Amino acid sequence: MSKCVWIIDDDPGIRYVLGEYFASRDIPSESFAGGPELTTALGERRPDLVMADVRLNGENGLDLMRQLQADHPGLPVIIMTAYSDLDSAVRAFRGGAFEFLAKPFDLDEVGRLVEKALQSTPETPEKADRNAGMIGSSPAFQQLIRLIGRLSASDVPVLITGETGTGKELVARALHNHSPRANGPFIAINTAAIPTDLLESELFGYERGAFTGAEQRRAGHFERATGGTLFLDEIGDMPLNLQSRLLRVLAEGEYYRLGGRGLVKADVRVITATHHDLGERVAAGEFRADLYHRLKVISLKVPPLRERREDIPTLVEHFLAEAAAEFRLPVRSAETSLVDYLKHLDWPGNVRELRHLCQSMAALAPAAVVGLDDLPEEYRDNPSDPSAGIGWERDLADEIRQRIPAANGELHAELVARFEAHLASTTVDACGGNKSEAARRLGISRNTLARMLGGQRKEG
């Protein structure tokens, strides 16, 4: 590949790592910290791809990106940042960034993005710039942020899926806030929380005399959301008869009020969400197949908290600060031991559960620093006992205690061999069977990896 990549970052370590990586892939590259050297180079030659940090010494990476694309239309730019937030992502996409890459990044991901960028054209610039308050830098969450950024200029319906408590309404609000309808209303309703006999009138409104007690015309949520966004949460629980009405609104853009004869224009973007598997509900006859296929054209999956554990420290800090402000308390912070403990819990209630826990601890903790002793009883697993450990460490401690009475001097060698074997095989699986990559990630040689895998074969 003869095309040249420019690396623009004030961190010499990042420039060195990327430069060495591109050299190993036979991709020509040049590195710049910014400043006059970069300005001179831009006046002399044109790169084929630019990777620029969003924050440079004395410069703004996004401003630089706009300048580059003004001078060189069609030039793909990948924005890099250690400050991973939706606000930065949308500004990057709005400015015409090809991709938004959060640090620390995986070099394999860099390789895929660079190859794609050098063979493609930049994507459509985005249209909005509002902070949606979404927090997270984990790969799973960053992928979600990138998708929201790409959809910000769109007005198409979106289906948001994910477990209860993952933040589906927050995603819907972000889609609205970064859309052309951002200045319009955002109306959110939980279709599962409204009685079936009232839901139709709540959605579509009614005329005077439509039913007993309808003494005057009333606008429904579709009408109240005119010019904005209507968010229908738990769409999987919507009754079948109302599903057909919703399908007509999506297909034709108009509807009737209850008891009405005149069509009402639906000038609204519809975003739906569910924790159900709609495909299974279609198979069970509980959801219309035609509505399902219309809704799932654009679908976003919100990852559960257990798939983005890297975000828990940041979320805990944010929720404690939020709770302190809400309850008018001194600023709260969390001990490292507490955060480490929370990172290994299962979180069936996801981010919502973590937020409620932080609110409880902030309100009840006697000191400004919240620790393990401040956990509610239902979250405790003997946290005052240092030997209890967390997660798999507790399981290992239990295993050791059970086996000590019958140990005959071989327990250490046996447990170490089993641990190494599982560590090796799991890493190889995670690397798609690439043993060289697995050895690199573990920081060991291929021979050591082979020995560890051999321990697994002996165990079997």
Foldseek 3Di string as FASTA:
>chain_A
DAAEEEEEALDVVVVVVVCVLCVVVVHHYYYYLDDPVVVVVVVPDAHQEYEHEQDGVVDGRLVVLLVNCVVPPQRAYEYEYQQDFLQVLLSCQQSQHQYYHYPPHDVVVVVVSVVVSSVDTTDHHFDAGDGLPDFADFPQVSVLSNLLSNLLAPQAEEEEEEAAQLCSVSSVLSSFCSYPLNVFDEAEDEQVVDDLVCSLCQAAWAADPLDPPRNHTDGHPLVNRASGAYEYEAPLQHAAVVLVQVVCCNVPQWHARRVGDDIDGRRYRYYYYHHDDVVVCVVVVSHPPVSVVSHVPHYHYRYFCLSRLVRQQVLLQVLLQVLCVVVVHPRAEEDPLASVQVSQDDPSNGSNVSSVQSNQLSVPPPDRYGYPVSGPPVSDDPSVDVQCDHHVSNVVVVVCVVCVVVDDPCVVVLVVLVVLLVLLVVLCVVVVNPLCVSCVVVVHDSVVSVVSVVSVVVVD
